[in-house]
C-alpha atoms as a PDB file:
ATOM      1  CA  MET A   1     -36.916  56.506  42.415  1.00  0.00           C
ATOM      2  CA  GLY A   2     -40.545  55.326  42.366  1.00  0.00           C
ATOM      3  CA  ILE A   3     -41.978  51.619  41.879  1.00  0.00           C
ATOM      4  CA  ALA A   4     -42.566  52.443  38.625  1.00  0.00           C
ATOM      5  CA  ASP A   5     -39.406  53.605  37.658  1.00  0.00           C
ATOM      6  CA  THR A   6     -37.671  50.892  39.410  1.00  0.00           C
ATOM      7  CA  SER A   7     -40.030  48.434  37.051  1.00  0.00           C
ATOM      8  CA  ILE A   8     -39.035  50.098  33.950  1.00  0.00           C
ATOM      9  CA  ALA A   9     -35.361  49.700  34.811  1.00  0.00           C
ATOM     10  CA  ALA A  10     -35.730  46.048  35.608  1.00  0.00           C
ATOM     11  CA  ALA A  11     -37.392  45.576  32.297  1.00  0.00           C
ATOM     12  CA  ALA A  12     -35.439  47.178  30.131  1.00  0.00           C
ATOM     13  CA  ALA A  13     -32.317  45.201  31.783  1.00  0.00           C
ATOM     14  CA  VAL A  14     -34.022  42.010  31.228  1.00  0.00           C
ATOM     15  CA  PHE A  15     -35.136  43.252  27.449  1.00  0.00           C
ATOM     16  CA  SER A  16     -31.195  44.504  26.995  1.00  0.00           C
ATOM     17  CA  GLY A  17     -30.022  40.882  28.566  1.00  0.00           C
ATOM     18  CA  VAL A  18     -32.455  39.050  26.158  1.00  0.00           C
ATOM     19  CA  ALA A  19     -31.084  41.172  22.928  1.00  0.00           C
ATOM     20  CA  ALA A  20     -27.501  40.530  23.785  1.00  0.00           C
ATOM     21  CA  PHE A  21     -27.580  36.946  24.005  1.00  0.00           C
ATOM     22  CA  GLY A  22     -29.900  37.124  21.067  1.00  0.00           C
ATOM     23  CA  ALA A  23     -26.872  38.546  19.174  1.00  0.00           C
ATOM     24  CA  TRP A  24     -24.636  36.519  20.686  1.00  0.00           C
ATOM     25  CA  LYS A  25     -26.372  33.380  19.720  1.00  0.00           C
ATOM     26  CA  THR A  26     -26.956  34.919  16.429  1.00  0.00           C
ATOM     27  CA  ALA A  27     -23.009  35.697  15.615  1.00  0.00           C
ATOM     28  CA  ASN A  28     -21.837  32.394  17.236  1.00  0.00           C
ATOM     29  CA  GLU A  29     -24.350  30.649  14.766  1.00  0.00           C
ATOM     30  CA  ALA A  30     -22.974  32.532  12.045  1.00  0.00           C
ATOM     31  CA  ASN A  31     -19.046  31.410  13.154  1.00  0.00           C
ATOM     32  CA  ARG A  32     -20.373  28.046  13.117  1.00  0.00           C
ATOM     33  CA  THR A  33     -21.858  28.256   9.452  1.00  0.00           C
ATOM     34  CA  ALA A  34     -18.746  30.190   8.161  1.00  0.00           C
ATOM     35  CA  THR A  35     -16.296  27.386   9.817  1.00  0.00           C
ATOM     36  CA  SER A  36     -18.336  24.963   8.256  1.00  0.00           C
ATOM     37  CA  VAL A  37     -18.268  26.394   4.762  1.00  0.00           C
ATOM     38  CA  ALA A  38     -14.718  26.895   5.302  1.00  0.00           C
ATOM     39  CA  GLN A  39     -14.215  23.474   6.008  1.00  0.00           C
ATOM     40  CA  ILE A  40     -16.406  21.838   3.180  1.00  0.00           C
ATOM     41  CA  GLU A  41     -14.655  24.480   0.843  1.00  0.00           C
ATOM     42  CA  ARG A  42     -11.063  23.122   2.395  1.00  0.00           C
ATOM     43  CA  ASP A  43     -12.072  19.526   1.700  1.00  0.00           C
ATOM     44  CA  ARG A  44     -13.485  20.137  -1.934  1.00  0.00           C
ATOM     45  CA  TRP A  45     -10.057  21.954  -2.463  1.00  0.00           C
ATOM     46  CA  HIS A  46      -7.817  18.591  -1.300  1.00  0.00           C
ATOM     47  CA  THR A  47      -9.808  16.021  -3.824  1.00  0.00           C
ATOM     48  CA  GLU A  48      -9.085  18.697  -6.173  1.00  0.00           C
ATOM     49  CA  MET A  49      -5.761  18.410  -5.780  1.00  0.00           C
ATOM     50  CA  THR A  50      -5.373  14.737  -5.019  1.00  0.00           C
ATOM     51  CA  PRO A  51      -2.370  13.626  -6.917  1.00  0.00           C
ATOM     52  CA  ASN A  52      -2.545  12.149 -10.519  1.00  0.00           C
ATOM     53  CA  VAL A  53      -0.330   9.062  -9.478  1.00  0.00           C
ATOM     54  CA  VAL A  54      -0.243   6.636 -12.442  1.00  0.00           C
ATOM     55  CA  LEU A  55       1.311   2.850 -11.684  1.00  0.00           C
ATOM     56  CA  ALA A  56       2.259  -0.016 -14.438  1.00  0.00           C
ATOM     57  CA  VAL A  57       3.895  -3.304 -14.265  1.00  0.00           C
ATOM     58  CA  THR A  58       6.499  -3.821 -17.159  1.00  0.00           C
ATOM     59  CA  ASN A  59       8.785  -5.621 -18.588  1.00  0.00           C
ATOM     60  CA  GLU A  60      10.172  -3.566 -21.041  1.00  0.00           C
ATOM     61  CA  ARG A  61      13.727  -3.586 -20.333  1.00  0.00           C
ATOM     62  CA  GLY A  62      13.577  -7.353 -20.274  1.00  0.00           C
ATOM     63  CA  ARG A  63      12.893  -7.927 -16.338  1.00  0.00           C
ATOM     64  CA  PRO A  64       9.816  -6.686 -14.400  1.00  0.00           C
ATOM     65  CA  GLU A  65       9.649  -3.369 -13.403  1.00  0.00           C
ATOM     66  CA  LEU A  66       7.193  -1.106 -11.259  1.00  0.00           C
ATOM     67  CA  LEU A  67       6.531   2.509 -12.486  1.00  0.00           C
ATOM     68  CA  VAL A  68       5.426   5.428 -10.709  1.00  0.00           C
ATOM     69  CA  ARG A  69       4.780   8.744 -12.446  1.00  0.00           C
ATOM     70  CA  PHE A  70       3.374  11.709 -11.395  1.00  0.00           C
ATOM     71  CA  ASP A  71       0.528  13.354 -14.072  1.00  0.00           C
ATOM     72  CA  GLY A  72      -0.262  16.764 -11.610  1.00  0.00           C
ATOM     73  CA  PRO A  73      -2.260  18.482 -11.154  1.00  0.00           C
ATOM     74  CA  ALA A  74      -0.302  21.485 -12.296  1.00  0.00           C
ATOM     75  CA  PRO A  75      -0.471  23.786  -9.683  1.00  0.00           C
ATOM     76  CA  LEU A  76       0.971  21.126  -7.247  1.00  0.00           C
ATOM     77  CA  GLY A  77       4.319  21.396  -8.853  1.00  0.00           C
ATOM     78  CA  ALA A  78       5.562  18.246  -6.893  1.00  0.00           C
ATOM     79  CA  ILE A  79       5.225  15.804  -4.609  1.00  0.00           C
ATOM     80  CA  ASP A  80       7.572  16.518  -1.593  1.00  0.00           C
ATOM     81  CA  VAL A  81       7.244  13.700  -0.324  1.00  0.00           C
ATOM     82  CA  LEU A  82       5.737   9.881  -1.734  1.00  0.00           C
ATOM     83  CA  GLU A  83       5.641   6.697   0.250  1.00  0.00           C
ATOM     84  CA  LEU A  84       5.581   3.303  -2.061  1.00  0.00           C
ATOM     85  CA  SER A  85       4.627   0.029  -0.522  1.00  0.00           C
ATOM     86  CA  ILE A  86       3.351  -3.441  -1.867  1.00  0.00           C
ATOM     87  CA  ARG A  87       0.425  -4.278   0.458  1.00  0.00           C
ATOM     88  CA  ASP A  88      -1.014  -7.908   0.915  1.00  0.00           C
ATOM     89  CA  ASP A  89      -4.528  -9.171  -1.332  1.00  0.00           C
ATOM     90  CA  ARG A  90      -6.297  -8.914   2.061  1.00  0.00           C
ATOM     91  CA  ASP A  91      -5.692  -7.784   5.901  1.00  0.00           C
ATOM     92  CA  ARG A  92      -4.340 -10.834   7.333  1.00  0.00           C
ATOM     93  CA  SER A  93      -2.946  -9.379  10.523  1.00  0.00           C
ATOM     94  CA  ASN A  94      -5.982 -10.807  12.634  1.00  0.00           C
ATOM     95  CA  ASP A  95      -6.085 -14.390  11.210  1.00  0.00           C
ATOM     96  CA  GLN A  96      -6.034 -16.946  13.183  1.00  0.00           C
ATOM     97  CA  THR A  97      -3.048 -18.535  14.812  1.00  0.00           C
ATOM     98  CA  LEU A  98      -3.571 -22.460  14.655  1.00  0.00           C
ATOM     99  CA  ALA A  99      -0.701 -24.991  16.226  1.00  0.00           C
ATOM    100  CA  GLY A 100       2.086 -25.774  13.668  1.00  0.00           C
ATOM    101  CA  GLY A 101       0.819 -23.143  11.016  1.00  0.00           C
ATOM    102  CA  ALA A 102       1.971 -19.569  10.373  1.00  0.00           C
ATOM    103  CA  THR A 103       3.007 -17.112  13.159  1.00  0.00           C
ATOM    104  CA  ARG A 104       1.868 -13.723  13.092  1.00  0.00           C
ATOM    105  CA  GLU A 105       5.222 -12.916  12.429  1.00  0.00           C
ATOM    106  CA  GLU A 106       5.746 -15.266   9.091  1.00  0.00           C
ATOM    107  CA  ARG A 107       2.399 -13.777   8.191  1.00  0.00           C
ATOM    108  CA  ALA A 108       3.495 -10.451   8.123  1.00  0.00           C
ATOM    109  CA  ARG A 109       7.039 -11.365   6.655  1.00  0.00           C
ATOM    110  CA  THR A 110       5.447 -12.860   3.192  1.00  0.00           C
ATOM    111  CA  ILE A 111       3.818 -10.618   0.813  1.00  0.00           C
ATOM    112  CA  TRP A 112       0.722 -12.233  -0.490  1.00  0.00           C
ATOM    113  CA  GLY A 113       0.651 -11.565  -3.928  1.00  0.00           C
ATOM    114  CA  PRO A 114       2.353 -11.998  -7.317  1.00  0.00           C
ATOM    115  CA  PHE A 115       5.459  -9.469  -6.707  1.00  0.00           C
ATOM    116  CA  ARG A 116       7.609  -7.704  -4.302  1.00  0.00           C
ATOM    117  CA  LEU A 117       9.964  -4.774  -4.477  1.00  0.00           C
ATOM    118  CA  SER A 118      13.370  -6.275  -4.952  1.00  0.00           C
ATOM    119  CA  PRO A 119      15.398  -6.061  -1.714  1.00  0.00           C
ATOM    120  CA  HIS A 120      17.741  -3.604  -1.116  1.00  0.00           C
ATOM    121  CA  ILE A 121      17.451  -2.440  -5.073  1.00  0.00           C
ATOM    122  CA  ASP A 122      16.159   1.454  -5.910  1.00  0.00           C
ATOM    123  CA  GLY A 123      15.623   2.071  -2.050  1.00  0.00           C
ATOM    124  CA  ALA A 124      13.958  -0.930  -1.129  1.00  0.00           C
ATOM    125  CA  ASP A 125      13.647  -2.536   2.171  1.00  0.00           C
ATOM    126  CA  GLU A 126      15.259  -6.281   3.040  1.00  0.00           C
ATOM    127  CA  LEU A 127      11.566  -7.498   2.675  1.00  0.00           C
ATOM    128  CA  GLY A 128      10.746  -5.938  -0.661  1.00  0.00           C
ATOM    129  CA  ARG A 129       7.628  -4.510   1.350  1.00  0.00           C
ATOM    130  CA  SER A 130       8.441  -0.630   0.731  1.00  0.00           C
ATOM    131  CA  ALA A 131      10.706   1.687  -0.520  1.00  0.00           C
ATOM    132  CA  LYS A 132      12.663   4.716   0.501  1.00  0.00           C
ATOM    133  CA  ALA A 133      10.394   8.000   0.307  1.00  0.00           C
ATOM    134  CA  PHE A 134      11.319  10.103  -2.658  1.00  0.00           C
ATOM    135  CA  SER A 135      10.229  13.100  -4.449  1.00  0.00           C
ATOM    136  CA  LEU A 136       8.565  13.512  -7.828  1.00  0.00           C
ATOM    137  CA  THR A 137       7.884  16.459 -10.119  1.00  0.00           C
ATOM    138  CA  HIS A 138       5.435  17.365 -12.633  1.00  0.00           C
ATOM    139  CA  GLY A 139       5.555  14.828 -15.809  1.00  0.00           C
ATOM    140  CA  GLU A 140       8.637  13.085 -13.776  1.00  0.00           C
ATOM    141  CA  GLN A 141       8.248   8.722 -13.046  1.00  0.00           C
ATOM    142  CA  ARG A 142      10.206   6.630 -11.276  1.00  0.00           C
ATOM    143  CA  ARG A 143      11.348   2.916 -11.837  1.00  0.00           C
ATOM    144  CA  PHE A 144      11.196  -0.190  -9.312  1.00  0.00           C
ATOM    145  CA  ALA A 145      12.949  -3.409  -9.542  1.00  0.00           C
ATOM    146  CA  LEU A 146      10.439  -6.057  -9.082  1.00  0.00           C
ATOM    147  CA  GLU A 147      10.539  -9.998  -8.266  1.00  0.00           C
ATOM    148  CA  SER A 148       8.429 -12.567  -7.916  1.00  0.00           C
ATOM    149  CA  SER A 149       7.207 -13.273  -4.030  1.00  0.00           C
ATOM    150  CA  ARG A 150       8.487 -15.926  -2.010  1.00  0.00           C
ATOM    151  CA  PRO A 151       6.264 -18.784  -0.626  1.00  0.00           C
ATOM    152  CA  PRO A 152       6.398 -19.121   2.999  1.00  0.00           C
ATOM    153  CA  ARG A 153       7.771 -22.553   4.557  1.00  0.00           C
ATOM    154  CA  TRP A 154       4.077 -24.095   4.555  1.00  0.00           C
ATOM    155  CA  TYR A 155       4.018 -24.242   0.844  1.00  0.00           C
ATOM    156  CA  GLU A 156       6.496 -27.198   1.202  1.00  0.00           C
ATOM    157  CA  GLY A 157       7.835 -28.963  -1.880  1.00  0.00           C
ATOM    158  CA  VAL A 158       6.946 -28.659  -5.303  1.00  0.00           C
ATOM    159  CA  ASP A 159       3.178 -28.998  -5.052  1.00  0.00           C
ATOM    160  CA  GLY A 160       3.429 -26.447  -2.604  1.00  0.00           C
ATOM    161  CA  ALA A 161       5.488 -24.618  -5.425  1.00  0.00           C
ATOM    162  CA  ARG A 162       2.439 -25.015  -8.130  1.00  0.00           C
ATOM    163  CA  ARG A 163      -0.334 -23.862  -4.747  1.00  0.00           C
ATOM    164  CA  TRP A 164       1.394 -20.737  -4.375  1.00  0.00           C
ATOM    165  CA  GLU A 165       1.824 -19.655  -7.834  1.00  0.00           C
ATOM    166  CA  SER A 166      -1.675 -20.733  -8.375  1.00  0.00           C
ATOM    167  CA  ASP A 167      -2.873 -18.878  -5.537  1.00  0.00           C
ATOM    168  CA  PHE A 168      -0.641 -15.528  -5.571  1.00  0.00           C
ATOM    169  CA  GLN A 169       0.995 -15.016  -8.801  1.00  0.00           C
ATOM    170  CA  SER A 170      -0.650 -16.208 -12.009  1.00  0.00           C
ATOM    171  CA  HIS A 171      -3.657 -14.264 -12.016  1.00  0.00           C
ATOM    172  CA  ALA A 172      -3.011 -12.371  -8.779  1.00  0.00           C
ATOM    173  CA  LEU A 173      -3.356  -8.405  -9.170  1.00  0.00           C
ATOM    174  CA  LEU A 174      -0.149  -6.423  -7.352  1.00  0.00           C
ATOM    175  CA  ARG A 175      -1.914  -3.946  -4.955  1.00  0.00           C
ATOM    176  CA  VAL A 176       0.377  -0.816  -3.974  1.00  0.00           C
ATOM    177  CA  TRP A 177      -0.508   2.264  -1.979  1.00  0.00           C
ATOM    178  CA  VAL A 178       0.847   5.332  -2.236  1.00  0.00           C
ATOM    179  CA  VAL A 179       1.102   8.403   0.093  1.00  0.00           C
ATOM    180  CA  CYS A 180       1.787  12.080  -0.955  1.00  0.00           C
ATOM    181  CA  TYR A 181       2.603  14.483   1.012  1.00  0.00           C
ATOM    182  CA  VAL A 182       3.115  17.961  -0.116  1.00  0.00           C
ATOM    183  CA  GLU A 183       3.588  21.100   1.846  1.00  0.00           C
ATOM    184  CA  GLY A 184       0.529  23.292   3.225  1.00  0.00           C
ATOM    185  CA  HIS A 185      -2.021  20.257   2.384  1.00  0.00           C
ATOM    186  CA  LYS A 186      -3.389  17.120   4.668  1.00  0.00           C
ATOM    187  CA  PRO A 187      -1.500  14.111   2.805  1.00  0.00           C
ATOM    188  CA  TRP A 188      -3.243  11.524   0.017  1.00  0.00           C
ATOM    189  CA  LYS A 189      -3.285   8.052   0.578  1.00  0.00           C
ATOM    190  CA  LEU A 190      -4.162   6.357  -2.464  1.00  0.00           C
ATOM    191  CA  THR A 191      -4.349   2.930  -3.640  1.00  0.00           C
ATOM    192  CA  ALA A 192      -3.917   0.939  -7.203  1.00  0.00           C
ATOM    193  CA  ASP A 193      -4.466  -2.775  -7.766  1.00  0.00           C
ATOM    194  CA  LEU A 194      -1.988  -3.486 -11.267  1.00  0.00           C
ATOM    195  CA  VAL A 195      -2.200  -5.984 -13.846  1.00  0.00           C
ATOM    196  CA  THR A 196       0.816  -8.689 -13.744  1.00  0.00           C
ATOM    197  CA  ASN A 197      -0.394 -11.601 -16.071  1.00  0.00           C
ATOM    198  CA  GLY A 198       2.127 -11.408 -18.570  1.00  0.00           C
ATOM    199  CA  VAL A 199       3.799  -8.510 -17.119  1.00  0.00           C
ATOM    200  CA  THR A 200       3.148  -5.935 -19.728  1.00  0.00           C
ATOM    201  CA  THR A 201       2.590  -2.243 -19.463  1.00  0.00           C
ATOM    202  CA  GLU A 202      -1.210  -1.369 -18.354  1.00  0.00           C
ATOM    203  CA  TRP A 203      -0.914   2.111 -16.370  1.00  0.00           C
ATOM    204  CA  VAL A 204      -3.310   2.459 -14.118  1.00  0.00           C
ATOM    205  CA  ARG A 205      -4.400   5.482 -11.458  1.00  0.00           C
ATOM    206  CA  ALA A 206      -4.182   5.222  -7.977  1.00  0.00           C
ATOM    207  CA  HIS A 207      -7.060   6.325  -6.685  1.00  0.00           C
END
């Protein structure tokens, strides 16, 4: 093979390599684009399928209760597992601990809000913070007994009880979190702030 032939073969090999790299790059970019589009579509579908969980505080049976209802979307059919919890007015886990004041453990065991779930009733835990996980089918609702939250030890005496009522019961909202699990979907974490002044029924959609 002459020098000219060798040069032509080398140039062809280089050209072939460049073409192959270009084809690989194009295919790789197409795959990335397809993956991105697919993820966007999955996220859109997940948002569209967000469970319509509606909640209310009521005293229609002569005692305060928390009502939880699943209103759709119908294609979901049911919420396989729903985790319900009463949250504080704000995150207090990093509050400064003062000498003689509330400890982190005491703050964690205090429900900073107007109500707690009645302990050991309707599947509630001993603190009244959360309920045993349950399922709901489309259109179904569950009731949970409520009771007034308990002031911690540093709200002592009559004046302390008045301050607790003023701070956390008279006009405070009941903050509720629900986490919904449905097979084939990522979990949804939803929250709602419920009006409790007068303990009247007022449905609020968790979002």
